[in-house]
PDB file of all heavy atoms in Angstrom:
ATOM      1  N   ARG A   1      26.697 -48.404  20.831  1.00  0.00           N
ATOM      2  CA  ARG A   1      26.145 -49.081  19.647  1.00  0.00           C
ATOM      3  C   ARG A   1      24.913 -49.913  19.986  1.00  0.00           C
ATOM      4  O   ARG A   1      23.965 -49.973  19.210  1.00  0.00           O
ATOM      5  CB  ARG A   1      27.219 -49.936  18.989  1.00  0.00           C
ATOM      6  CG  ARG A   1      28.272 -49.110  18.260  1.00  0.00           C
ATOM      7  CD  ARG A   1      29.204 -49.968  17.429  1.00  0.00           C
ATOM      8  NE  ARG A   1      30.021 -50.841  18.244  1.00  0.00           N
ATOM      9  CZ  ARG A   1      31.205 -50.525  18.763  1.00  0.00           C
ATOM     10  NH1 ARG A   1      31.719 -49.330  18.562  1.00  0.00           N
ATOM     11  NH2 ARG A   1      31.883 -51.393  19.484  1.00  0.00           N
ATOM     12  N   ALA A   2      24.921 -50.529  21.166  1.00  0.00           N
ATOM     13  CA  ALA A   2      23.759 -51.320  21.583  1.00  0.00           C
ATOM     14  C   ALA A   2      22.544 -50.422  21.793  1.00  0.00           C
ATOM     15  O   ALA A   2      21.414 -50.810  21.467  1.00  0.00           O
ATOM     16  CB  ALA A   2      24.080 -52.092  22.860  1.00  0.00           C
ATOM     17  N   GLN A   3      22.763 -49.231  22.300  1.00  0.00           N
ATOM     18  CA  GLN A   3      21.660 -48.318  22.570  1.00  0.00           C
ATOM     19  C   GLN A   3      21.168 -47.589  21.327  1.00  0.00           C
ATOM     20  O   GLN A   3      19.977 -47.446  21.117  1.00  0.00           O
ATOM     21  CB  GLN A   3      22.079 -47.296  23.639  1.00  0.00           C
ATOM     22  CG  GLN A   3      21.027 -46.272  23.986  1.00  0.00           C
ATOM     23  CD  GLN A   3      19.768 -46.877  24.587  1.00  0.00           C
ATOM     24  OE1 GLN A   3      19.815 -47.892  25.265  1.00  0.00           O
ATOM     25  NE2 GLN A   3      18.635 -46.253  24.326  1.00  0.00           N
ATOM     26  N   PHE A   4      22.107 -47.108  20.504  1.00  0.00           N
ATOM     27  CA  PHE A   4      21.737 -46.224  19.397  1.00  0.00           C
ATOM     28  C   PHE A   4      21.875 -46.840  18.015  1.00  0.00           C
ATOM     29  O   PHE A   4      21.470 -46.231  17.036  1.00  0.00           O
ATOM     30  CB  PHE A   4      22.584 -44.946  19.450  1.00  0.00           C
ATOM     31  CG  PHE A   4      22.387 -44.158  20.712  1.00  0.00           C
ATOM     32  CD1 PHE A   4      23.385 -44.093  21.663  1.00  0.00           C
ATOM     33  CD2 PHE A   4      21.208 -43.494  20.949  1.00  0.00           C
ATOM     34  CE1 PHE A   4      23.209 -43.374  22.838  1.00  0.00           C
ATOM     35  CE2 PHE A   4      21.013 -42.769  22.122  1.00  0.00           C
ATOM     36  CZ  PHE A   4      22.023 -42.713  23.073  1.00  0.00           C
ATOM     37  N   GLY A   5      22.463 -48.006  17.925  1.00  0.00           N
ATOM     38  CA  GLY A   5      22.691 -48.620  16.625  1.00  0.00           C
ATOM     39  C   GLY A   5      24.085 -48.293  16.121  1.00  0.00           C
ATOM     40  O   GLY A   5      24.717 -47.328  16.545  1.00  0.00           O
ATOM     41  N   GLU A   6      24.553 -49.118  15.226  1.00  0.00           N
ATOM     42  CA  GLU A   6      25.917 -49.024  14.709  1.00  0.00           C
ATOM     43  C   GLU A   6      26.236 -47.659  14.103  1.00  0.00           C
ATOM     44  O   GLU A   6      27.260 -47.060  14.393  1.00  0.00           O
ATOM     45  CB  GLU A   6      26.123 -50.121  13.661  1.00  0.00           C
ATOM     46  CG  GLU A   6      27.551 -50.424  13.337  1.00  0.00           C
ATOM     47  CD  GLU A   6      28.302 -51.122  14.458  1.00  0.00           C
ATOM     48  OE1 GLU A   6      27.701 -51.909  15.200  1.00  0.00           O
ATOM     49  OE2 GLU A   6      29.508 -50.872  14.575  1.00  0.00           O
ATOM     50  N   THR A   7      25.374 -47.157  13.262  1.00  0.00           N
ATOM     51  CA  THR A   7      25.633 -45.903  12.554  1.00  0.00           C
ATOM     52  C   THR A   7      25.317 -44.685  13.408  1.00  0.00           C
ATOM     53  O   THR A   7      26.102 -43.744  13.473  1.00  0.00           O
ATOM     54  CB  THR A   7      24.805 -45.845  11.258  1.00  0.00           C
ATOM     55  OG1 THR A   7      25.129 -46.976  10.463  1.00  0.00           O
ATOM     56  CG2 THR A   7      25.093 -44.583  10.480  1.00  0.00           C
ATOM     57  N   TYR A   8      24.170 -44.692  14.083  1.00  0.00           N
ATOM     58  CA  TYR A   8      23.744 -43.505  14.814  1.00  0.00           C
ATOM     59  C   TYR A   8      24.612 -43.237  16.038  1.00  0.00           C
ATOM     60  O   TYR A   8      24.764 -42.080  16.450  1.00  0.00           O
ATOM     61  CB  TYR A   8      22.276 -43.608  15.203  1.00  0.00           C
ATOM     62  CG  TYR A   8      21.763 -42.340  15.844  1.00  0.00           C
ATOM     63  CD1 TYR A   8      21.745 -41.146  15.131  1.00  0.00           C
ATOM     64  CD2 TYR A   8      21.317 -42.329  17.156  1.00  0.00           C
ATOM     65  CE1 TYR A   8      21.292 -39.969  15.713  1.00  0.00           C
ATOM     66  CE2 TYR A   8      20.865 -41.162  17.742  1.00  0.00           C
ATOM     67  CZ  TYR A   8      20.856 -39.985  17.018  1.00  0.00           C
ATOM     68  OH  TYR A   8      20.408 -38.833  17.604  1.00  0.00           O
ATOM     69  N   ALA A   9      25.196 -44.259  16.648  1.00  0.00           N
ATOM     70  CA  ALA A   9      26.043 -44.056  17.837  1.00  0.00           C
ATOM     71  C   ALA A   9      27.182 -43.095  17.526  1.00  0.00           C
ATOM     72  O   ALA A   9      27.459 -42.167  18.301  1.00  0.00           O
ATOM     73  CB  ALA A   9      26.587 -45.391  18.336  1.00  0.00           C
ATOM     74  N   ASP A  10      27.826 -43.277  16.404  1.00  0.00           N
ATOM     75  CA  ASP A  10      28.934 -42.413  16.011  1.00  0.00           C
ATOM     76  C   ASP A  10      28.451 -40.995  15.713  1.00  0.00           C
ATOM     77  O   ASP A  10      29.042 -40.016  16.157  1.00  0.00           O
ATOM     78  CB  ASP A  10      29.657 -42.998  14.797  1.00  0.00           C
ATOM     79  CG  ASP A  10      30.874 -42.194  14.415  1.00  0.00           C
ATOM     80  OD1 ASP A  10      31.777 -42.031  15.258  1.00  0.00           O
ATOM     81  OD2 ASP A  10      30.911 -41.693  13.272  1.00  0.00           O
ATOM     82  N   SER A  11      27.360 -40.895  14.996  1.00  0.00           N
ATOM     83  CA  SER A  11      26.792 -39.588  14.674  1.00  0.00           C
ATOM     84  C   SER A  11      26.366 -38.853  15.942  1.00  0.00           C
ATOM     85  O   SER A  11      26.654 -37.660  16.109  1.00  0.00           O
ATOM     86  CB  SER A  11      25.593 -39.764  13.741  1.00  0.00           C
ATOM     87  OG  SER A  11      24.972 -38.535  13.498  1.00  0.00           O
ATOM     88  N   PHE A  12      25.688 -39.547  16.827  1.00  0.00           N
ATOM     89  CA  PHE A  12      25.270 -38.962  18.093  1.00  0.00           C
ATOM     90  C   PHE A  12      26.481 -38.451  18.862  1.00  0.00           C
ATOM     91  O   PHE A  12      26.484 -37.335  19.386  1.00  0.00           O
ATOM     92  CB  PHE A  12      24.510 -40.003  18.926  1.00  0.00           C
ATOM     93  CG  PHE A  12      24.113 -39.512  20.286  1.00  0.00           C
ATOM     94  CD1 PHE A  12      22.916 -38.850  20.466  1.00  0.00           C
ATOM     95  CD2 PHE A  12      24.939 -39.712  21.389  1.00  0.00           C
ATOM     96  CE1 PHE A  12      22.543 -38.385  21.721  1.00  0.00           C
ATOM     97  CE2 PHE A  12      24.576 -39.249  22.636  1.00  0.00           C
ATOM     98  CZ  PHE A  12      23.378 -38.586  22.806  1.00  0.00           C
ATOM     99  N   ALA A  13      27.523 -39.266  18.941  1.00  0.00           N
ATOM    100  CA  ALA A  13      28.721 -38.907  19.706  1.00  0.00           C
ATOM    101  C   ALA A  13      29.420 -37.668  19.142  1.00  0.00           C
ATOM    102  O   ALA A  13      30.014 -36.890  19.894  1.00  0.00           O
ATOM    103  CB  ALA A  13      29.695 -40.087  19.732  1.00  0.00           C
ATOM    104  N   ARG A  14      29.348 -37.471  17.848  1.00  0.00           N
ATOM    105  CA  ARG A  14      30.022 -36.323  17.217  1.00  0.00           C
ATOM    106  C   ARG A  14      29.156 -35.070  17.162  1.00  0.00           C
ATOM    107  O   ARG A  14      29.694 -33.954  17.190  1.00  0.00           O
ATOM    108  CB  ARG A  14      30.440 -36.680  15.787  1.00  0.00           C
ATOM    109  CG  ARG A  14      31.698 -37.517  15.739  1.00  0.00           C
ATOM    110  CD  ARG A  14      32.179 -37.741  14.329  1.00  0.00           C
ATOM    111  NE  ARG A  14      31.366 -38.796  13.716  1.00  0.00           N
ATOM    112  CZ  ARG A  14      30.744 -38.679  12.559  1.00  0.00           C
ATOM    113  NH1 ARG A  14      30.845 -37.600  11.847  1.00  0.00           N
ATOM    114  NH2 ARG A  14      30.038 -39.678  12.101  1.00  0.00           N
ATOM    115  N   ASP A  15      27.834 -35.224  17.114  1.00  0.00           N
ATOM    116  CA  ASP A  15      26.965 -34.093  16.806  1.00  0.00           C
ATOM    117  C   ASP A  15      26.062 -33.597  17.932  1.00  0.00           C
ATOM    118  O   ASP A  15      25.650 -32.444  17.908  1.00  0.00           O
ATOM    119  CB  ASP A  15      26.085 -34.444  15.604  1.00  0.00           C
ATOM    120  CG  ASP A  15      26.895 -34.759  14.372  1.00  0.00           C
ATOM    121  OD1 ASP A  15      28.011 -34.222  14.228  1.00  0.00           O
ATOM    122  OD2 ASP A  15      26.420 -35.557  13.539  1.00  0.00           O
ATOM    123  N   HIS A  16      25.727 -34.442  18.881  1.00  0.00           N
ATOM    124  CA  HIS A  16      24.739 -34.076  19.907  1.00  0.00           C
ATOM    125  C   HIS A  16      25.419 -33.392  21.091  1.00  0.00           C
ATOM    126  O   HIS A  16      26.153 -34.020  21.850  1.00  0.00           O
ATOM    127  CB  HIS A  16      23.990 -35.326  20.370  1.00  0.00           C
ATOM    128  CG  HIS A  16      22.824 -35.033  21.249  1.00  0.00           C
ATOM    129  ND1 HIS A  16      21.605 -34.640  20.750  1.00  0.00           N
ATOM    130  CD2 HIS A  16      22.700 -35.049  22.592  1.00  0.00           C
ATOM    131  CE1 HIS A  16      20.776 -34.448  21.756  1.00  0.00           C
ATOM    132  NE2 HIS A  16      21.419 -34.683  22.888  1.00  0.00           N
ATOM    133  N   VAL A  17      25.181 -32.099  21.249  1.00  0.00           N
ATOM    134  CA  VAL A  17      25.737 -31.338  22.365  1.00  0.00           C
ATOM    135  C   VAL A  17      24.854 -31.574  23.581  1.00  0.00           C
ATOM    136  O   VAL A  17      23.630 -31.447  23.512  1.00  0.00           O
ATOM    137  CB  VAL A  17      25.801 -29.831  22.018  1.00  0.00           C
ATOM    138  CG1 VAL A  17      26.279 -29.022  23.209  1.00  0.00           C
ATOM    139  CG2 VAL A  17      26.713 -29.614  20.818  1.00  0.00           C
ATOM    140  N   MET A  18      25.480 -31.911  24.698  1.00  0.00           N
ATOM    141  CA  MET A  18      24.744 -32.271  25.900  1.00  0.00           C
ATOM    142  C   MET A  18      25.078 -31.347  27.064  1.00  0.00           C
ATOM    143  O   MET A  18      26.258 -31.150  27.378  1.00  0.00           O
ATOM    144  CB  MET A  18      25.068 -33.724  26.285  1.00  0.00           C
ATOM    145  CG  MET A  18      24.688 -34.724  25.228  1.00  0.00           C
ATOM    146  SD  MET A  18      25.245 -36.410  25.558  1.00  0.00           S
ATOM    147  CE  MET A  18      24.760 -36.652  27.227  1.00  0.00           C
ATOM    148  N   SER A  19      24.065 -30.817  27.709  1.00  0.00           N
ATOM    149  CA  SER A  19      24.296 -29.970  28.879  1.00  0.00           C
ATOM    150  C   SER A  19      24.935 -30.783  30.007  1.00  0.00           C
ATOM    151  O   SER A  19      25.726 -30.249  30.784  1.00  0.00           O
ATOM    152  CB  SER A  19      22.991 -29.327  29.358  1.00  0.00           C
ATOM    153  OG  SER A  19      22.049 -30.318  29.718  1.00  0.00           O
ATOM    154  N   GLU A  20      24.621 -32.074  30.074  1.00  0.00           N
ATOM    155  CA  GLU A  20      25.199 -32.954  31.096  1.00  0.00           C
ATOM    156  C   GLU A  20      26.712 -33.088  30.957  1.00  0.00           C
ATOM    157  O   GLU A  20      27.389 -33.493  31.899  1.00  0.00           O
ATOM    158  CB  GLU A  20      24.562 -34.352  31.035  1.00  0.00           C
ATOM    159  CG  GLU A  20      23.094 -34.388  31.394  1.00  0.00           C
ATOM    160  CD  GLU A  20      22.164 -34.006  30.247  1.00  0.00           C
ATOM    161  OE1 GLU A  20      22.644 -33.668  29.145  1.00  0.00           O
ATOM    162  OE2 GLU A  20      20.941 -34.034  30.459  1.00  0.00           O
ATOM    163  N   LEU A  21      27.219 -32.750  29.788  1.00  0.00           N
ATOM    164  CA  LEU A  21      28.673 -32.805  29.543  1.00  0.00           C
ATOM    165  C   LEU A  21      29.260 -31.398  29.451  1.00  0.00           C
ATOM    166  O   LEU A  21      30.308 -31.192  28.842  1.00  0.00           O
ATOM    167  CB  LEU A  21      28.962 -33.586  28.255  1.00  0.00           C
ATOM    168  CG  LEU A  21      28.560 -35.059  28.277  1.00  0.00           C
ATOM    169  CD1 LEU A  21      28.779 -35.689  26.900  1.00  0.00           C
ATOM    170  CD2 LEU A  21      29.335 -35.820  29.340  1.00  0.00           C
ATOM    171  N   GLY A  22      28.575 -30.444  30.042  1.00  0.00           N
ATOM    172  CA  GLY A  22      29.073 -29.075  30.039  1.00  0.00           C
ATOM    173  C   GLY A  22      29.029 -28.417  28.680  1.00  0.00           C
ATOM    174  O   GLY A  22      29.895 -27.604  28.349  1.00  0.00           O
ATOM    175  N   GLY A  23      28.016 -28.767  27.878  1.00  0.00           N
ATOM    176  CA  GLY A  23      27.888 -28.184  26.547  1.00  0.00           C
ATOM    177  C   GLY A  23      28.826 -28.802  25.534  1.00  0.00           C
ATOM    178  O   GLY A  23      29.156 -28.185  24.523  1.00  0.00           O
ATOM    179  N   ARG A  24      29.245 -30.020  25.799  1.00  0.00           N
ATOM    180  CA  ARG A  24      30.131 -30.749  24.888  1.00  0.00           C
ATOM    181  C   ARG A  24      29.381 -31.906  24.240  1.00  0.00           C
ATOM    182  O   ARG A  24      28.367 -32.358  24.739  1.00  0.00           O
ATOM    183  CB  ARG A  24      31.321 -31.334  25.654  1.00  0.00           C
ATOM    184  CG  ARG A  24      32.255 -30.344  26.252  1.00  0.00           C
ATOM    185  CD  ARG A  24      33.337 -31.094  27.049  1.00  0.00           C
ATOM    186  NE  ARG A  24      34.305 -30.199  27.631  1.00  0.00           N
ATOM    187  CZ  ARG A  24      34.197 -29.651  28.837  1.00  0.00           C
ATOM    188  NH1 ARG A  24      33.135 -29.911  29.585  1.00  0.00           N
ATOM    189  NH2 ARG A  24      35.125 -28.842  29.297  1.00  0.00           N
ATOM    190  N   THR A  25      29.959 -32.397  23.162  1.00  0.00           N
ATOM    191  CA  THR A  25      29.494 -33.656  22.592  1.00  0.00           C
ATOM    192  C   THR A  25      30.211 -34.784  23.332  1.00  0.00           C
ATOM    193  O   THR A  25      31.161 -34.545  24.087  1.00  0.00           O
ATOM    194  CB  THR A  25      29.835 -33.754  21.091  1.00  0.00           C
ATOM    195  OG1 THR A  25      31.260 -33.800  20.949  1.00  0.00           O
ATOM    196  CG2 THR A  25      29.249 -32.594  20.300  1.00  0.00           C
ATOM    197  N   VAL A  26      29.783 -36.003  23.097  1.00  0.00           N
ATOM    198  CA  VAL A  26      30.460 -37.169  23.683  1.00  0.00           C
ATOM    199  C   VAL A  26      31.930 -37.173  23.273  1.00  0.00           C
ATOM    200  O   VAL A  26      32.824 -37.348  24.115  1.00  0.00           O
ATOM    201  CB  VAL A  26      29.759 -38.478  23.249  1.00  0.00           C
ATOM    202  CG1 VAL A  26      30.613 -39.691  23.549  1.00  0.00           C
ATOM    203  CG2 VAL A  26      28.396 -38.597  23.916  1.00  0.00           C
ATOM    204  N   MET A  27      32.198 -36.968  22.008  1.00  0.00           N
ATOM    205  CA  MET A  27      33.585 -36.983  21.524  1.00  0.00           C
ATOM    206  C   MET A  27      34.416 -35.881  22.169  1.00  0.00           C
ATOM    207  O   MET A  27      35.559 -36.120  22.569  1.00  0.00           O
ATOM    208  CB  MET A  27      33.624 -36.857  19.998  1.00  0.00           C
ATOM    209  CG  MET A  27      33.036 -38.052  19.277  1.00  0.00           C
ATOM    210  SD  MET A  27      33.872 -39.614  19.644  1.00  0.00           S
ATOM    211  CE  MET A  27      35.376 -39.365  18.730  1.00  0.00           C
ATOM    212  N   GLU A  28      33.854 -34.696  22.278  1.00  0.00           N
ATOM    213  CA  GLU A  28      34.584 -33.591  22.905  1.00  0.00           C
ATOM    214  C   GLU A  28      34.881 -33.885  24.369  1.00  0.00           C
ATOM    215  O   GLU A  28      35.978 -33.591  24.852  1.00  0.00           O
ATOM    216  CB  GLU A  28      33.793 -32.289  22.780  1.00  0.00           C
ATOM    217  CG  GLU A  28      33.727 -31.756  21.372  1.00  0.00           C
ATOM    218  CD  GLU A  28      32.736 -30.621  21.215  1.00  0.00           C
ATOM    219  OE1 GLU A  28      31.801 -30.479  22.033  1.00  0.00           O
ATOM    220  OE2 GLU A  28      32.900 -29.867  20.227  1.00  0.00           O
ATOM    221  N   ALA A  29      33.916 -34.463  25.067  1.00  0.00           N
ATOM    222  CA  ALA A  29      34.127 -34.799  26.475  1.00  0.00           C
ATOM    223  C   ALA A  29      35.225 -35.845  26.623  1.00  0.00           C
ATOM    224  O   ALA A  29      36.112 -35.713  27.477  1.00  0.00           O
ATOM    225  CB  ALA A  29      32.823 -35.292  27.101  1.00  0.00           C
ATOM    226  N   LEU A  30      35.187 -36.880  25.799  1.00  0.00           N
ATOM    227  CA  LEU A  30      36.229 -37.909  25.864  1.00  0.00           C
ATOM    228  C   LEU A  30      37.602 -37.327  25.530  1.00  0.00           C
ATOM    229  O   LEU A  30      38.592 -37.621  26.213  1.00  0.00           O
ATOM    230  CB  LEU A  30      35.897 -39.072  24.935  1.00  0.00           C
ATOM    231  CG  LEU A  30      34.683 -39.921  25.335  1.00  0.00           C
ATOM    232  CD1 LEU A  30      34.318 -40.888  24.219  1.00  0.00           C
ATOM    233  CD2 LEU A  30      34.937 -40.658  26.645  1.00  0.00           C
ATOM    234  N   GLU A  31      37.658 -36.486  24.512  1.00  0.00           N
ATOM    235  CA  GLU A  31      38.923 -35.861  24.121  1.00  0.00           C
ATOM    236  C   GLU A  31      39.434 -34.897  25.190  1.00  0.00           C
ATOM    237  O   GLU A  31      40.639 -34.694  25.318  1.00  0.00           O
ATOM    238  CB  GLU A  31      38.766 -35.140  22.789  1.00  0.00           C
ATOM    239  CG  GLU A  31      38.611 -36.087  21.624  1.00  0.00           C
ATOM    240  CD  GLU A  31      38.189 -35.418  20.330  1.00  0.00           C
ATOM    241  OE1 GLU A  31      38.018 -34.172  20.304  1.00  0.00           O
ATOM    242  OE2 GLU A  31      38.018 -36.147  19.334  1.00  0.00           O
ATOM    243  N   ALA A  32      38.517 -34.324  25.974  1.00  0.00           N
ATOM    244  CA  ALA A  32      38.896 -33.398  27.049  1.00  0.00           C
ATOM    245  C   ALA A  32      39.346 -34.141  28.307  1.00  0.00           C
ATOM    246  O   ALA A  32      39.736 -33.508  29.282  1.00  0.00           O
ATOM    247  CB  ALA A  32      37.725 -32.473  27.378  1.00  0.00           C
ATOM    248  N   GLY A  33      39.260 -35.471  28.275  1.00  0.00           N
ATOM    249  CA  GLY A  33      39.754 -36.255  29.402  1.00  0.00           C
ATOM    250  C   GLY A  33      38.701 -36.784  30.353  1.00  0.00           C
ATOM    251  O   GLY A  33      39.031 -37.340  31.393  1.00  0.00           O
ATOM    252  N   TRP A  34      37.430 -36.611  29.999  1.00  0.00           N
ATOM    253  CA  TRP A  34      36.383 -37.175  30.840  1.00  0.00           C
ATOM    254  C   TRP A  34      36.516 -38.694  30.856  1.00  0.00           C
ATOM    255  O   TRP A  34      36.865 -39.312  29.843  1.00  0.00           O
ATOM    256  CB  TRP A  34      35.017 -36.818  30.298  1.00  0.00           C
ATOM    257  CG  TRP A  34      34.569 -35.415  30.550  1.00  0.00           C
ATOM    258  CD1 TRP A  34      35.250 -34.270  30.276  1.00  0.00           C
ATOM    259  CD2 TRP A  34      33.326 -35.012  31.103  1.00  0.00           C
ATOM    260  NE1 TRP A  34      34.496 -33.181  30.616  1.00  0.00           N
ATOM    261  CE2 TRP A  34      33.309 -33.609  31.130  1.00  0.00           C
ATOM    262  CE3 TRP A  34      32.214 -35.702  31.569  1.00  0.00           C
ATOM    263  CZ2 TRP A  34      32.227 -32.883  31.620  1.00  0.00           C
ATOM    264  CZ3 TRP A  34      31.129 -34.981  32.034  1.00  0.00           C
ATOM    265  CH2 TRP A  34      31.150 -33.590  32.069  1.00  0.00           C
ATOM    266  N   GLU A  35      36.215 -39.300  31.974  1.00  0.00           N
ATOM    267  CA  GLU A  35      36.201 -40.757  32.087  1.00  0.00           C
ATOM    268  C   GLU A  35      35.023 -41.308  31.286  1.00  0.00           C
ATOM    269  O   GLU A  35      33.927 -40.729  31.311  1.00  0.00           O
ATOM    270  CB  GLU A  35      36.068 -41.184  33.550  1.00  0.00           C
ATOM    271  CG  GLU A  35      37.250 -40.809  34.412  1.00  0.00           C
ATOM    272  CD  GLU A  35      38.464 -41.649  34.106  1.00  0.00           C
ATOM    273  OE1 GLU A  35      38.309 -42.839  33.729  1.00  0.00           O
ATOM    274  OE2 GLU A  35      39.576 -41.115  34.235  1.00  0.00           O
ATOM    275  N   ALA A  36      35.241 -42.418  30.607  1.00  0.00           N
ATOM    276  CA  ALA A  36      34.189 -43.024  29.793  1.00  0.00           C
ATOM    277  C   ALA A  36      32.953 -43.347  30.625  1.00  0.00           C
ATOM    278  O   ALA A  36      31.826 -43.150  30.177  1.00  0.00           O
ATOM    279  CB  ALA A  36      34.710 -44.278  29.105  1.00  0.00           C
ATOM    280  N   LYS A  37      33.143 -43.806  31.865  1.00  0.00           N
ATOM    281  CA  LYS A  37      31.993 -44.143  32.714  1.00  0.00           C
ATOM    282  C   LYS A  37      31.151 -42.904  33.017  1.00  0.00           C
ATOM    283  O   LYS A  37      29.929 -42.982  33.078  1.00  0.00           O
ATOM    284  CB  LYS A  37      32.428 -44.832  34.003  1.00  0.00           C
ATOM    285  CG  LYS A  37      33.211 -43.954  34.934  1.00  0.00           C
ATOM    286  CD  LYS A  37      33.617 -44.682  36.188  1.00  0.00           C
ATOM    287  CE  LYS A  37      34.454 -43.727  37.042  1.00  0.00           C
ATOM    288  NZ  LYS A  37      34.893 -44.343  38.257  1.00  0.00           N
ATOM    289  N   ASP A  38      31.794 -41.754  33.202  1.00  0.00           N
ATOM    290  CA  ASP A  38      31.060 -40.523  33.478  1.00  0.00           C
ATOM    291  C   ASP A  38      30.310 -40.036  32.241  1.00  0.00           C
ATOM    292  O   ASP A  38      29.188 -39.538  32.344  1.00  0.00           O
ATOM    293  CB  ASP A  38      32.005 -39.437  33.988  1.00  0.00           C
ATOM    294  CG  ASP A  38      32.626 -39.808  35.318  1.00  0.00           C
ATOM    295  OD1 ASP A  38      31.966 -40.515  36.124  1.00  0.00           O
ATOM    296  OD2 ASP A  38      33.779 -39.407  35.569  1.00  0.00           O
ATOM    297  N   VAL A  39      30.929 -40.201  31.080  1.00  0.00           N
ATOM    298  CA  VAL A  39      30.258 -39.835  29.830  1.00  0.00           C
ATOM    299  C   VAL A  39      29.061 -40.755  29.612  1.00  0.00           C
ATOM    300  O   VAL A  39      27.976 -40.290  29.254  1.00  0.00           O
ATOM    301  CB  VAL A  39      31.239 -39.878  28.638  1.00  0.00           C
ATOM    302  CG1 VAL A  39      30.512 -39.612  27.328  1.00  0.00           C
ATOM    303  CG2 VAL A  39      32.378 -38.885  28.838  1.00  0.00           C
ATOM    304  N   TRP A  40      29.239 -42.040  29.846  1.00  0.00           N
ATOM    305  CA  TRP A  40      28.131 -42.977  29.681  1.00  0.00           C
ATOM    306  C   TRP A  40      26.980 -42.630  30.619  1.00  0.00           C
ATOM    307  O   TRP A  40      25.814 -42.639  30.236  1.00  0.00           O
ATOM    308  CB  TRP A  40      28.587 -44.421  29.889  1.00  0.00           C
ATOM    309  CG  TRP A  40      27.454 -45.391  29.782  1.00  0.00           C
ATOM    310  CD1 TRP A  40      26.956 -46.186  30.763  1.00  0.00           C
ATOM    311  CD2 TRP A  40      26.644 -45.650  28.632  1.00  0.00           C
ATOM    312  NE1 TRP A  40      25.885 -46.919  30.299  1.00  0.00           N
ATOM    313  CE2 TRP A  40      25.680 -46.601  28.985  1.00  0.00           C
ATOM    314  CE3 TRP A  40      26.644 -45.154  27.330  1.00  0.00           C
ATOM    315  CZ2 TRP A  40      24.723 -47.077  28.093  1.00  0.00           C
ATOM    316  CZ3 TRP A  40      25.692 -45.630  26.435  1.00  0.00           C
ATOM    317  CH2 TRP A  40      24.747 -46.585  26.814  1.00  0.00           C
ATOM    318  N   ARG A  41      27.292 -42.309  31.871  1.00  0.00           N
ATOM    319  CA  ARG A  41      26.249 -41.921  32.825  1.00  0.00           C
ATOM    320  C   ARG A  41      25.490 -40.687  32.333  1.00  0.00           C
ATOM    321  O   ARG A  41      24.270 -40.614  32.459  1.00  0.00           O
ATOM    322  CB  ARG A  41      26.860 -41.649  34.192  1.00  0.00           C
ATOM    323  CG  ARG A  41      27.296 -42.907  34.897  1.00  0.00           C
ATOM    324  CD  ARG A  41      27.936 -42.600  36.231  1.00  0.00           C
ATOM    325  NE  ARG A  41      28.452 -43.815  36.839  1.00  0.00           N
ATOM    326  CZ  ARG A  41      29.517 -43.852  37.602  1.00  0.00           C
ATOM    327  NH1 ARG A  41      30.181 -42.752  37.889  1.00  0.00           N
ATOM    328  NH2 ARG A  41      29.928 -45.003  38.113  1.00  0.00           N
ATOM    329  N   ALA A  42      26.211 -39.733  31.778  1.00  0.00           N
ATOM    330  CA  ALA A  42      25.574 -38.519  31.250  1.00  0.00           C
ATOM    331  C   ALA A  42      24.661 -38.854  30.077  1.00  0.00           C
ATOM    332  O   ALA A  42      23.550 -38.329  29.976  1.00  0.00           O
ATOM    333  CB  ALA A  42      26.637 -37.501  30.836  1.00  0.00           C
ATOM    334  N   VAL A  43      25.110 -39.728  29.201  1.00  0.00           N
ATOM    335  CA  VAL A  43      24.288 -40.164  28.064  1.00  0.00           C
ATOM    336  C   VAL A  43      23.025 -40.853  28.583  1.00  0.00           C
ATOM    337  O   VAL A  43      21.923 -40.589  28.098  1.00  0.00           O
ATOM    338  CB  VAL A  43      25.082 -41.104  27.128  1.00  0.00           C
ATOM    339  CG1 VAL A  43      24.166 -41.763  26.106  1.00  0.00           C
ATOM    340  CG2 VAL A  43      26.210 -40.352  26.439  1.00  0.00           C
TER     341      VAL A  43
END
């Protein structure tokens, strides 16, 4: 939220597919069991 803003952080996490997360979104990576610190580093 500090980086992307209150509204866009959630949208980014649900919609932006990232190669750094193996072609997953932030939400998909977290749901797949990725550690939050690793997801944050990828972001």
